[in-house]
Amino acid sequence: MAFEVQKTSYSGSIREMTLGGAKTLKVGGETAYPFYSFEGAMPNLPKIAMEVLDSEPEEWAAAALEPFKDVVSDPVAWAKKCVNDYGAEMICLNMVSTDPNGMNRSAADAAAVAKSVVDAVDVPVIVFGTLNADKDTELLKLVAEQNEGKNIIIGPVQESNHKQVGAPAIGYKHTVVANTPIDVNLAKQLNILLGNLGVPDDKILVDPTVGGIGYGLEYTYSVMERDRMAALVQQDDKLQNPIFCFVSKEVWKTKEAKMGADDPTMGDPAKRGVLMEAMTAATLLLAGANVLVMRHPEAIKLAKALMAELA
């Protein structure tokens, strides 16, 4: 008697979303758990956005800086290099210069930088603030207005500023990244609030907040897993949105990623951060990530190779 794999039929599905304007990508659409191709469809593999900073990076690990050392002072050149040299399918412009505890660049100046990057590449662009709700509100309203109709992705949108950012996203036809602090119920609540405001369901990416490997990753995994269970098994339509994970900033800020070769037990510093980023990405892919932000080209290669193998 031939062995038959026991299969589960899921009553729910993940929404399919179209990202970008000039060149679009589709994410979501799954009718089963991630890469469970024997139980359902996964029409769109997860997408990876390469991280670009709007100002020259400070305190980056040497391994992370090396591939971009000739362009880090110019966000437009950096974004173009990601697309032309490394085949980036998306760009995530991390607006670190706007942090009130850092450079505190004005929203107007930062928005101009964002527009120049959006105009310079034809792939979908994510414009991501610093999680300072007041400054992000000021910035993202301008970014939304100046890039009307281009369907860029703006975030993070939090409960405290969802009206102020959600309204221009609706008016200027953009997608939002809804950020909550590692809690399924809070993620659902913010989706409901954005929906009540008028943001279409297919314009919301869920950012559950992630941790790097060794830094709370297992908690992130469990929250994402419960999110997917609610979406697929319980048909919770407020949790059926694709998931966004900002991998790079969580991995590369850790002491292990930044350490040099002083401790021989830690291995090659040029490989250590790459492997940490790739392993974190792999775990999040299995948990249900649809859009990942990553930094190092070699880590991205490893993540894509895993996706190809699983698919």
C-alpha atoms as a PDB file:
ATOM      1  CA  MET A   1       0.000   0.000   0.000  1.00  0.00           C
ATOM      2  CA  ALA A   2       1.453   3.355  -1.078  1.00  0.00           C
ATOM      3  CA  PHE A   3       2.155   5.939   1.575  1.00  0.00           C
ATOM      4  CA  GLU A   4      -0.150   8.954   1.447  1.00  0.00           C
ATOM      5  CA  VAL A   5       0.745  12.257   3.014  1.00  0.00           C
ATOM      6  CA  GLN A   6      -1.996  13.484   5.302  1.00  0.00           C
ATOM      7  CA  LYS A   7      -3.243  16.821   4.021  1.00  0.00           C
ATOM      8  CA  THR A   8      -5.191  19.632   5.612  1.00  0.00           C
ATOM      9  CA  SER A   9      -7.665  21.752   3.714  1.00  0.00           C
ATOM     10  CA  TYR A  10      -7.620  25.423   4.749  1.00  0.00           C
ATOM     11  CA  SER A  11     -10.729  27.552   4.645  1.00  0.00           C
ATOM     12  CA  GLY A  12      -8.860  30.873   4.629  1.00  0.00           C
ATOM     13  CA  SER A  13      -6.204  32.439   2.420  1.00  0.00           C
ATOM     14  CA  ILE A  14      -3.708  35.290   2.396  1.00  0.00           C
ATOM     15  CA  ARG A  15      -4.603  38.370   0.374  1.00  0.00           C
ATOM     16  CA  GLU A  16      -2.684  38.948  -2.807  1.00  0.00           C
ATOM     17  CA  MET A  17      -1.256  42.468  -2.992  1.00  0.00           C
ATOM     18  CA  THR A  18       0.315  44.411  -5.849  1.00  0.00           C
ATOM     19  CA  LEU A  19       3.271  46.570  -4.845  1.00  0.00           C
ATOM     20  CA  GLY A  20       4.901  49.324  -6.872  1.00  0.00           C
ATOM     21  CA  GLY A  21       3.979  51.540  -9.784  1.00  0.00           C
ATOM     22  CA  ALA A  22       6.252  51.497 -12.858  1.00  0.00           C
ATOM     23  CA  LYS A  23       7.284  47.913 -12.164  1.00  0.00           C
ATOM     24  CA  THR A  24       4.981  45.892  -9.942  1.00  0.00           C
ATOM     25  CA  LEU A  25       5.398  42.818  -7.788  1.00  0.00           C
ATOM     26  CA  LYS A  26       2.757  40.587  -6.274  1.00  0.00           C
ATOM     27  CA  VAL A  27       2.957  39.147  -2.775  1.00  0.00           C
ATOM     28  CA  GLY A  28       0.625  36.929  -0.792  1.00  0.00           C
ATOM     29  CA  GLY A  29      -2.077  34.735  -2.265  1.00  0.00           C
ATOM     30  CA  GLU A  30      -1.211  31.602  -0.266  1.00  0.00           C
ATOM     31  CA  THR A  31      -3.914  29.059   0.488  1.00  0.00           C
ATOM     32  CA  ALA A  32      -1.766  27.007   2.882  1.00  0.00           C
ATOM     33  CA  TYR A  33       1.097  27.479   5.328  1.00  0.00           C
ATOM     34  CA  PRO A  34       4.396  28.799   3.925  1.00  0.00           C
ATOM     35  CA  PHE A  35       5.887  26.454   1.318  1.00  0.00           C
ATOM     36  CA  TYR A  36       3.244  23.770   2.025  1.00  0.00           C
ATOM     37  CA  SER A  37       2.858  23.248  -1.710  1.00  0.00           C
ATOM     38  CA  PHE A  38       1.476  19.761  -1.101  1.00  0.00           C
ATOM     39  CA  GLU A  39      -1.562  21.268   0.648  1.00  0.00           C
ATOM     40  CA  GLY A  40      -2.251  24.482  -1.228  1.00  0.00           C
ATOM     41  CA  ALA A  41      -1.054  27.193  -3.572  1.00  0.00           C
ATOM     42  CA  MET A  42       1.779  29.660  -3.083  1.00  0.00           C
ATOM     43  CA  PRO A  43       1.482  31.713  -6.273  1.00  0.00           C
ATOM     44  CA  ASN A  44       4.009  34.353  -5.250  1.00  0.00           C
ATOM     45  CA  LEU A  45       7.315  33.681  -3.539  1.00  0.00           C
ATOM     46  CA  PRO A  46       8.297  36.161  -0.802  1.00  0.00           C
ATOM     47  CA  LYS A  47      10.104  39.278  -2.015  1.00  0.00           C
ATOM     48  CA  ILE A  48      13.302  40.825  -0.634  1.00  0.00           C
ATOM     49  CA  ALA A  49      13.888  44.576  -0.461  1.00  0.00           C
ATOM     50  CA  MET A  50      17.482  45.763  -0.213  1.00  0.00           C
ATOM     51  CA  GLU A  51      18.056  48.344   2.507  1.00  0.00           C
ATOM     52  CA  VAL A  52      19.348  51.802   1.559  1.00  0.00           C
ATOM     53  CA  LEU A  53      19.980  54.548   4.110  1.00  0.00           C
ATOM     54  CA  ASP A  54      19.131  58.188   3.417  1.00  0.00           C
ATOM     55  CA  SER A  55      22.424  59.253   5.011  1.00  0.00           C
ATOM     56  CA  GLU A  56      25.882  57.761   5.363  1.00  0.00           C
ATOM     57  CA  PRO A  57      25.716  54.845   7.819  1.00  0.00           C
ATOM     58  CA  GLU A  58      27.332  55.060  11.215  1.00  0.00           C
ATOM     59  CA  GLU A  59      28.683  52.094  13.184  1.00  0.00           C
ATOM     60  CA  TRP A  60      27.964  49.574  10.443  1.00  0.00           C
ATOM     61  CA  ALA A  61      29.898  46.333  10.550  1.00  0.00           C
ATOM     62  CA  ALA A  62      32.728  46.267   8.003  1.00  0.00           C
ATOM     63  CA  ALA A  63      31.187  43.245   6.269  1.00  0.00           C
ATOM     64  CA  ALA A  64      27.872  45.058   5.750  1.00  0.00           C
ATOM     65  CA  LEU A  65      29.551  48.249   4.531  1.00  0.00           C
ATOM     66  CA  GLU A  66      31.945  46.621   2.053  1.00  0.00           C
ATOM     67  CA  PRO A  67      29.512  45.994  -0.867  1.00  0.00           C
ATOM     68  CA  PHE A  68      28.315  49.624  -0.806  1.00  0.00           C
ATOM     69  CA  LYS A  69      31.386  51.574   0.368  1.00  0.00           C
ATOM     70  CA  ASP A  70      31.578  53.578  -2.878  1.00  0.00           C
ATOM     71  CA  VAL A  71      27.953  54.795  -2.770  1.00  0.00           C
ATOM     72  CA  VAL A  72      26.966  55.170   0.891  1.00  0.00           C
ATOM     73  CA  SER A  73      27.134  58.967   0.722  1.00  0.00           C
ATOM     74  CA  ASP A  74      24.545  59.091  -2.094  1.00  0.00           C
ATOM     75  CA  PRO A  75      21.170  57.323  -1.558  1.00  0.00           C
ATOM     76  CA  VAL A  76      20.286  57.531  -5.262  1.00  0.00           C
ATOM     77  CA  ALA A  77      23.552  55.919  -6.353  1.00  0.00           C
ATOM     78  CA  TRP A  78      23.158  53.344  -3.588  1.00  0.00           C
ATOM     79  CA  ALA A  79      19.649  52.403  -4.708  1.00  0.00           C
ATOM     80  CA  LYS A  80      20.756  52.174  -8.334  1.00  0.00           C
ATOM     81  CA  LYS A  81      23.669  49.924  -7.382  1.00  0.00           C
ATOM     82  CA  CYS A  82      21.320  47.615  -5.501  1.00  0.00           C
ATOM     83  CA  VAL A  83      19.113  47.320  -8.580  1.00  0.00           C
ATOM     84  CA  ASN A  84      21.746  47.285 -11.332  1.00  0.00           C
ATOM     85  CA  ASP A  85      24.549  45.327  -9.654  1.00  0.00           C
ATOM     86  CA  TYR A  86      22.703  43.103  -7.205  1.00  0.00           C
ATOM     87  CA  GLY A  87      19.345  42.661  -8.937  1.00  0.00           C
ATOM     88  CA  ALA A  88      17.247  44.105  -6.118  1.00  0.00           C
ATOM     89  CA  GLU A  89      13.545  43.498  -6.719  1.00  0.00           C
ATOM     90  CA  MET A  90      12.586  46.171  -4.175  1.00  0.00           C
ATOM     91  CA  ILE A  91      14.302  49.011  -2.297  1.00  0.00           C
ATOM     92  CA  CYS A  92      13.678  49.970   1.335  1.00  0.00           C
ATOM     93  CA  LEU A  93      14.820  53.526   2.008  1.00  0.00           C
ATOM     94  CA  ASN A  94      15.492  53.686   5.744  1.00  0.00           C
ATOM     95  CA  MET A  95      15.070  57.330   6.793  1.00  0.00           C
ATOM     96  CA  VAL A  96      17.550  57.213   9.677  1.00  0.00           C
ATOM     97  CA  SER A  97      18.516  60.871   9.287  1.00  0.00           C
ATOM     98  CA  THR A  98      15.091  62.000  10.522  1.00  0.00           C
ATOM     99  CA  ASP A  99      15.539  60.505  13.997  1.00  0.00           C
ATOM    100  CA  PRO A 100      15.016  63.331  16.535  1.00  0.00           C
ATOM    101  CA  ASN A 101      17.673  61.686  18.701  1.00  0.00           C
ATOM    102  CA  GLY A 102      20.125  61.686  15.818  1.00  0.00           C
ATOM    103  CA  MET A 103      20.609  64.048  12.878  1.00  0.00           C
ATOM    104  CA  ASN A 104      16.995  65.240  13.129  1.00  0.00           C
ATOM    105  CA  ARG A 105      16.887  66.181   9.449  1.00  0.00           C
ATOM    106  CA  SER A 106      13.789  68.157   8.545  1.00  0.00           C
ATOM    107  CA  ALA A 107      10.874  66.275   7.054  1.00  0.00           C
ATOM    108  CA  ALA A 108      10.972  68.492   3.968  1.00  0.00           C
ATOM    109  CA  ASP A 109      14.632  67.737   3.239  1.00  0.00           C
ATOM    110  CA  ALA A 110      14.193  64.023   3.906  1.00  0.00           C
ATOM    111  CA  ALA A 111      11.085  63.834   1.703  1.00  0.00           C
ATOM    112  CA  ALA A 112      13.066  65.376  -1.158  1.00  0.00           C
ATOM    113  CA  VAL A 113      15.687  62.627  -0.772  1.00  0.00           C
ATOM    114  CA  ALA A 114      12.946  60.001  -0.773  1.00  0.00           C
ATOM    115  CA  LYS A 115      11.430  61.388  -3.966  1.00  0.00           C
ATOM    116  CA  SER A 116      14.806  61.368  -5.707  1.00  0.00           C
ATOM    117  CA  VAL A 117      15.240  57.676  -4.875  1.00  0.00           C
ATOM    118  CA  VAL A 118      11.695  56.777  -5.950  1.00  0.00           C
ATOM    119  CA  ASP A 119      12.260  58.576  -9.267  1.00  0.00           C
ATOM    120  CA  ALA A 120      15.654  56.952  -9.831  1.00  0.00           C
ATOM    121  CA  VAL A 121      14.580  53.294  -9.804  1.00  0.00           C
ATOM    122  CA  ASP A 122      11.733  51.408 -11.426  1.00  0.00           C
ATOM    123  CA  VAL A 123      11.289  48.773  -8.694  1.00  0.00           C
ATOM    124  CA  PRO A 124       8.841  49.173  -5.783  1.00  0.00           C
ATOM    125  CA  VAL A 125      10.170  51.433  -3.009  1.00  0.00           C
ATOM    126  CA  ILE A 126       9.467  51.289   0.711  1.00  0.00           C
ATOM    127  CA  VAL A 127      10.020  54.551   2.620  1.00  0.00           C
ATOM    128  CA  PHE A 128      10.466  53.673   6.286  1.00  0.00           C
ATOM    129  CA  GLY A 129      10.727  56.096   9.215  1.00  0.00           C
ATOM    130  CA  THR A 130      12.308  55.789  12.638  1.00  0.00           C
ATOM    131  CA  LEU A 131       9.334  54.718  14.804  1.00  0.00           C
ATOM    132  CA  ASN A 132       9.089  58.240  16.202  1.00  0.00           C
ATOM    133  CA  ALA A 133       5.382  58.712  15.611  1.00  0.00           C
ATOM    134  CA  ASP A 134       5.406  62.520  15.425  1.00  0.00           C
ATOM    135  CA  LYS A 135       8.375  62.792  13.070  1.00  0.00           C
ATOM    136  CA  ASP A 136       7.207  59.866  10.955  1.00  0.00           C
ATOM    137  CA  THR A 137       3.809  61.507  10.560  1.00  0.00           C
ATOM    138  CA  GLU A 138       5.358  64.735   9.338  1.00  0.00           C
ATOM    139  CA  LEU A 139       7.686  62.905   6.957  1.00  0.00           C
ATOM    140  CA  LEU A 140       5.301  60.317   5.537  1.00  0.00           C
ATOM    141  CA  LYS A 141       2.574  62.855   4.776  1.00  0.00           C
ATOM    142  CA  LEU A 142       5.036  64.744   2.570  1.00  0.00           C
ATOM    143  CA  VAL A 143       6.388  61.569   0.990  1.00  0.00           C
ATOM    144  CA  ALA A 144       2.856  60.413   0.159  1.00  0.00           C
ATOM    145  CA  GLU A 145       1.956  63.749  -1.406  1.00  0.00           C
ATOM    146  CA  GLN A 146       5.141  64.125  -3.450  1.00  0.00           C
ATOM    147  CA  ASN A 147       4.858  60.603  -4.903  1.00  0.00           C
ATOM    148  CA  GLU A 148       1.154  60.632  -5.708  1.00  0.00           C
ATOM    149  CA  GLY A 149      -0.101  57.646  -7.679  1.00  0.00           C
ATOM    150  CA  LYS A 150       3.201  55.719  -7.592  1.00  0.00           C
ATOM    151  CA  ASN A 151       1.962  53.146  -5.063  1.00  0.00           C
ATOM    152  CA  ILE A 152       5.041  53.333  -2.884  1.00  0.00           C
ATOM    153  CA  ILE A 153       4.980  51.630   0.502  1.00  0.00           C
ATOM    154  CA  ILE A 154       5.143  53.976   3.493  1.00  0.00           C
ATOM    155  CA  GLY A 155       5.634  53.149   7.151  1.00  0.00           C
ATOM    156  CA  PRO A 156       5.764  52.472   9.936  1.00  0.00           C
ATOM    157  CA  VAL A 157       2.133  53.325  10.671  1.00  0.00           C
ATOM    158  CA  GLN A 158       1.331  52.938  14.361  1.00  0.00           C
ATOM    159  CA  GLU A 159      -1.910  53.194  16.270  1.00  0.00           C
ATOM    160  CA  SER A 160      -0.925  56.652  17.527  1.00  0.00           C
ATOM    161  CA  ASN A 161      -0.573  58.097  14.012  1.00  0.00           C
ATOM    162  CA  HIS A 162      -2.706  55.796  11.859  1.00  0.00           C
ATOM    163  CA  LYS A 163      -5.191  58.543  10.993  1.00  0.00           C
ATOM    164  CA  GLN A 164      -2.552  61.124  10.114  1.00  0.00           C
ATOM    165  CA  VAL A 165      -0.614  58.723   7.868  1.00  0.00           C
ATOM    166  CA  GLY A 166      -3.494  56.546   6.698  1.00  0.00           C
ATOM    167  CA  ALA A 167      -5.452  59.466   5.257  1.00  0.00           C
ATOM    168  CA  PRO A 168      -2.729  60.648   2.840  1.00  0.00           C
ATOM    169  CA  ALA A 169      -2.009  57.022   1.926  1.00  0.00           C
ATOM    170  CA  ILE A 170      -5.644  56.726   0.832  1.00  0.00           C
ATOM    171  CA  GLY A 171      -5.682  60.087  -0.936  1.00  0.00           C
ATOM    172  CA  TYR A 172      -2.428  59.588  -2.831  1.00  0.00           C
ATOM    173  CA  LYS A 173      -2.928  55.832  -3.416  1.00  0.00           C
ATOM    174  CA  HIS A 174      -0.101  54.207  -1.493  1.00  0.00           C
ATOM    175  CA  THR A 175       0.388  51.033   0.554  1.00  0.00           C
ATOM    176  CA  VAL A 176       1.091  51.209   4.299  1.00  0.00           C
ATOM    177  CA  VAL A 177       3.197  49.128   6.689  1.00  0.00           C
ATOM    178  CA  ALA A 178       1.180  48.661   9.889  1.00  0.00           C
ATOM    179  CA  ASN A 179       3.594  48.253  12.812  1.00  0.00           C
ATOM    180  CA  THR A 180       2.726  46.745  16.200  1.00  0.00           C
ATOM    181  CA  PRO A 181       4.934  45.393  19.016  1.00  0.00           C
ATOM    182  CA  ILE A 182       4.943  41.577  18.617  1.00  0.00           C
ATOM    183  CA  ASP A 183       1.306  40.881  19.473  1.00  0.00           C
ATOM    184  CA  VAL A 184      -1.343  39.245  17.279  1.00  0.00           C
ATOM    185  CA  ASN A 185      -4.270  41.091  18.854  1.00  0.00           C
ATOM    186  CA  LEU A 186      -2.574  44.476  18.474  1.00  0.00           C
ATOM    187  CA  ALA A 187      -1.817  43.710  14.823  1.00  0.00           C
ATOM    188  CA  LYS A 188      -5.453  42.831  14.204  1.00  0.00           C
ATOM    189  CA  GLN A 189      -6.640  45.950  16.035  1.00  0.00           C
ATOM    190  CA  LEU A 190      -4.473  48.243  13.922  1.00  0.00           C
ATOM    191  CA  ASN A 191      -5.712  46.578  10.727  1.00  0.00           C
ATOM    192  CA  ILE A 192      -9.278  47.198  11.870  1.00  0.00           C
ATOM    193  CA  LEU A 193      -8.526  50.844  12.650  1.00  0.00           C
ATOM    194  CA  LEU A 194      -6.930  51.382   9.251  1.00  0.00           C
ATOM    195  CA  GLY A 195      -9.867  49.640   7.587  1.00  0.00           C
ATOM    196  CA  ASN A 196     -12.353  51.817   9.449  1.00  0.00           C
ATOM    197  CA  LEU A 197     -10.422  54.848   8.238  1.00  0.00           C
ATOM    198  CA  GLY A 198     -10.808  53.663   4.666  1.00  0.00           C
ATOM    199  CA  VAL A 199      -7.456  52.074   3.871  1.00  0.00           C
ATOM    200  CA  PRO A 200      -8.246  49.127   1.542  1.00  0.00           C
ATOM    201  CA  ASP A 201      -7.374  45.689   2.896  1.00  0.00           C
ATOM    202  CA  ASP A 202      -5.066  45.079  -0.066  1.00  0.00           C
ATOM    203  CA  LYS A 203      -3.037  48.175   0.815  1.00  0.00           C
ATOM    204  CA  ILE A 204      -1.894  47.001   4.268  1.00  0.00           C
ATOM    205  CA  LEU A 205       1.293  45.071   5.011  1.00  0.00           C
ATOM    206  CA  VAL A 206       1.509  43.774   8.580  1.00  0.00           C
ATOM    207  CA  ASP A 207       4.767  44.504  10.422  1.00  0.00           C
ATOM    208  CA  PRO A 208       4.678  42.423  13.638  1.00  0.00           C
ATOM    209  CA  THR A 209       8.151  43.692  14.680  1.00  0.00           C
ATOM    210  CA  VAL A 210      10.857  41.049  14.450  1.00  0.00           C
ATOM    211  CA  GLY A 211      13.972  40.059  16.347  1.00  0.00           C
ATOM    212  CA  GLY A 212      17.225  38.692  15.020  1.00  0.00           C
ATOM    213  CA  ILE A 213      18.462  35.178  15.650  1.00  0.00           C
ATOM    214  CA  GLY A 214      19.424  34.909  19.314  1.00  0.00           C
ATOM    215  CA  TYR A 215      17.515  38.115  20.116  1.00  0.00           C
ATOM    216  CA  GLY A 216      13.875  37.153  20.547  1.00  0.00           C
ATOM    217  CA  LEU A 217      13.434  35.423  17.208  1.00  0.00           C
ATOM    218  CA  GLU A 218      11.478  32.557  18.766  1.00  0.00           C
ATOM    219  CA  TYR A 219       8.894  35.009  20.156  1.00  0.00           C
ATOM    220  CA  THR A 220       8.565  36.667  16.751  1.00  0.00           C
ATOM    221  CA  TYR A 221       8.150  33.258  15.139  1.00  0.00           C
ATOM    222  CA  SER A 222       5.352  32.229  17.496  1.00  0.00           C
ATOM    223  CA  VAL A 223       3.438  35.467  16.894  1.00  0.00           C
ATOM    224  CA  MET A 224       3.735  35.146  13.121  1.00  0.00           C
ATOM    225  CA  GLU A 225       2.739  31.489  13.330  1.00  0.00           C
ATOM    226  CA  ARG A 226      -0.404  32.360  15.296  1.00  0.00           C
ATOM    227  CA  ASP A 227      -1.161  35.125  12.787  1.00  0.00           C
ATOM    228  CA  ARG A 228      -1.048  32.627   9.895  1.00  0.00           C
ATOM    229  CA  MET A 229      -3.124  30.084  11.840  1.00  0.00           C
ATOM    230  CA  ALA A 230      -5.833  32.672  12.445  1.00  0.00           C
ATOM    231  CA  ALA A 231      -5.803  33.703   8.791  1.00  0.00           C
ATOM    232  CA  LEU A 232      -5.863  30.237   7.251  1.00  0.00           C
ATOM    233  CA  VAL A 233      -7.703  28.071   9.776  1.00  0.00           C
ATOM    234  CA  GLN A 234     -10.013  30.528  11.531  1.00  0.00           C
ATOM    235  CA  GLN A 235     -10.692  32.665   8.433  1.00  0.00           C
ATOM    236  CA  ASP A 236      -9.885  35.862  10.331  1.00  0.00           C
ATOM    237  CA  ASP A 237     -10.025  38.346   7.461  1.00  0.00           C
ATOM    238  CA  LYS A 238      -8.288  41.041   9.532  1.00  0.00           C
ATOM    239  CA  LEU A 239      -5.156  38.902   9.732  1.00  0.00           C
ATOM    240  CA  GLN A 240      -5.061  37.737   6.122  1.00  0.00           C
ATOM    241  CA  ASN A 241      -2.586  40.388   5.044  1.00  0.00           C
ATOM    242  CA  PRO A 242       0.962  39.695   3.836  1.00  0.00           C
ATOM    243  CA  ILE A 243       3.657  40.085   6.507  1.00  0.00           C
ATOM    244  CA  PHE A 244       6.565  42.550   6.369  1.00  0.00           C
ATOM    245  CA  CYS A 245       9.814  41.851   8.267  1.00  0.00           C
ATOM    246  CA  PHE A 246      12.652  44.365   8.678  1.00  0.00           C
ATOM    247  CA  VAL A 247      15.422  41.812   9.080  1.00  0.00           C
ATOM    248  CA  SER A 248      18.581  43.807   8.454  1.00  0.00           C
ATOM    249  CA  LYS A 249      18.382  46.456  11.133  1.00  0.00           C
ATOM    250  CA  GLU A 250      17.689  43.844  13.817  1.00  0.00           C
ATOM    251  CA  VAL A 251      20.525  41.508  12.811  1.00  0.00           C
ATOM    252  CA  TRP A 252      23.314  43.945  12.019  1.00  0.00           C
ATOM    253  CA  LYS A 253      22.931  45.979  15.201  1.00  0.00           C
ATOM    254  CA  THR A 254      23.850  42.984  17.380  1.00  0.00           C
ATOM    255  CA  LYS A 255      27.256  42.739  19.015  1.00  0.00           C
ATOM    256  CA  GLU A 256      27.966  39.409  17.302  1.00  0.00           C
ATOM    257  CA  ALA A 257      27.458  40.936  13.849  1.00  0.00           C
ATOM    258  CA  LYS A 258      29.698  43.900  14.664  1.00  0.00           C
ATOM    259  CA  MET A 259      32.537  42.039  16.402  1.00  0.00           C
ATOM    260  CA  GLY A 260      35.844  41.774  14.576  1.00  0.00           C
ATOM    261  CA  ALA A 261      38.299  38.892  14.532  1.00  0.00           C
ATOM    262  CA  ASP A 262      39.559  39.406  18.101  1.00  0.00           C
ATOM    263  CA  ASP A 263      37.793  36.282  19.368  1.00  0.00           C
ATOM    264  CA  PRO A 264      38.772  33.302  17.181  1.00  0.00           C
ATOM    265  CA  THR A 265      35.896  31.226  18.578  1.00  0.00           C
ATOM    266  CA  MET A 266      33.438  33.542  16.816  1.00  0.00           C
ATOM    267  CA  GLY A 267      34.664  32.617  13.345  1.00  0.00           C
ATOM    268  CA  ASP A 268      35.233  34.794  10.305  1.00  0.00           C
ATOM    269  CA  PRO A 269      33.680  38.244  10.902  1.00  0.00           C
ATOM    270  CA  ALA A 270      33.080  38.675   7.176  1.00  0.00           C
ATOM    271  CA  LYS A 271      30.821  35.589   7.171  1.00  0.00           C
ATOM    272  CA  ARG A 272      29.303  35.823  10.640  1.00  0.00           C
ATOM    273  CA  GLY A 273      26.872  38.671  10.010  1.00  0.00           C
ATOM    274  CA  VAL A 274      25.950  37.304   6.603  1.00  0.00           C
ATOM    275  CA  LEU A 275      25.021  33.953   8.093  1.00  0.00           C
ATOM    276  CA  MET A 276      23.125  35.566  10.962  1.00  0.00           C
ATOM    277  CA  GLU A 277      21.073  37.609   8.509  1.00  0.00           C
ATOM    278  CA  ALA A 278      20.438  34.630   6.227  1.00  0.00           C
ATOM    279  CA  MET A 279      19.450  32.353   9.127  1.00  0.00           C
ATOM    280  CA  THR A 280      17.079  34.975  10.527  1.00  0.00           C
ATOM    281  CA  ALA A 281      15.520  35.430   7.099  1.00  0.00           C
ATOM    282  CA  ALA A 282      15.143  31.671   6.663  1.00  0.00           C
ATOM    283  CA  THR A 283      13.315  31.350   9.970  1.00  0.00           C
ATOM    284  CA  LEU A 284      10.966  34.229   9.179  1.00  0.00           C
ATOM    285  CA  LEU A 285      10.230  32.808   5.725  1.00  0.00           C
ATOM    286  CA  LEU A 286       9.103  29.580   7.354  1.00  0.00           C
ATOM    287  CA  ALA A 287       6.960  31.582   9.776  1.00  0.00           C
ATOM    288  CA  GLY A 288       5.111  33.335   6.946  1.00  0.00           C
ATOM    289  CA  ALA A 289       7.058  36.445   5.885  1.00  0.00           C
ATOM    290  CA  ASN A 290       6.052  37.855   2.485  1.00  0.00           C
ATOM    291  CA  VAL A 291       8.357  40.896   2.303  1.00  0.00           C
ATOM    292  CA  LEU A 292      11.780  40.965   3.955  1.00  0.00           C
ATOM    293  CA  VAL A 293      14.201  43.882   4.185  1.00  0.00           C
ATOM    294  CA  MET A 294      17.791  42.651   4.014  1.00  0.00           C
ATOM    295  CA  ARG A 295      21.212  44.267   3.734  1.00  0.00           C
ATOM    296  CA  HIS A 296      24.027  42.039   2.530  1.00  0.00           C
ATOM    297  CA  PRO A 297      23.929  40.676  -1.063  1.00  0.00           C
ATOM    298  CA  GLU A 298      25.385  37.310   0.000  1.00  0.00           C
ATOM    299  CA  ALA A 299      22.746  36.867   2.713  1.00  0.00           C
ATOM    300  CA  ILE A 300      20.077  37.647   0.134  1.00  0.00           C
ATOM    301  CA  LYS A 301      21.528  35.015  -2.208  1.00  0.00           C
ATOM    302  CA  LEU A 302      21.300  32.416   0.539  1.00  0.00           C
ATOM    303  CA  ALA A 303      17.695  33.354   1.355  1.00  0.00           C
ATOM    304  CA  LYS A 304      16.690  33.181  -2.310  1.00  0.00           C
ATOM    305  CA  ALA A 305      18.413  29.842  -2.734  1.00  0.00           C
ATOM    306  CA  LEU A 306      16.410  28.490   0.200  1.00  0.00           C
ATOM    307  CA  MET A 307      13.164  29.779  -1.301  1.00  0.00           C
ATOM    308  CA  ALA A 308      13.967  28.185  -4.638  1.00  0.00           C
ATOM    309  CA  GLU A 309      14.721  24.869  -2.959  1.00  0.00           C
ATOM    310  CA  LEU A 310      11.545  24.916  -0.886  1.00  0.00           C
ATOM    311  CA  ALA A 311       9.400  25.959  -3.817  1.00  0.00           C
END
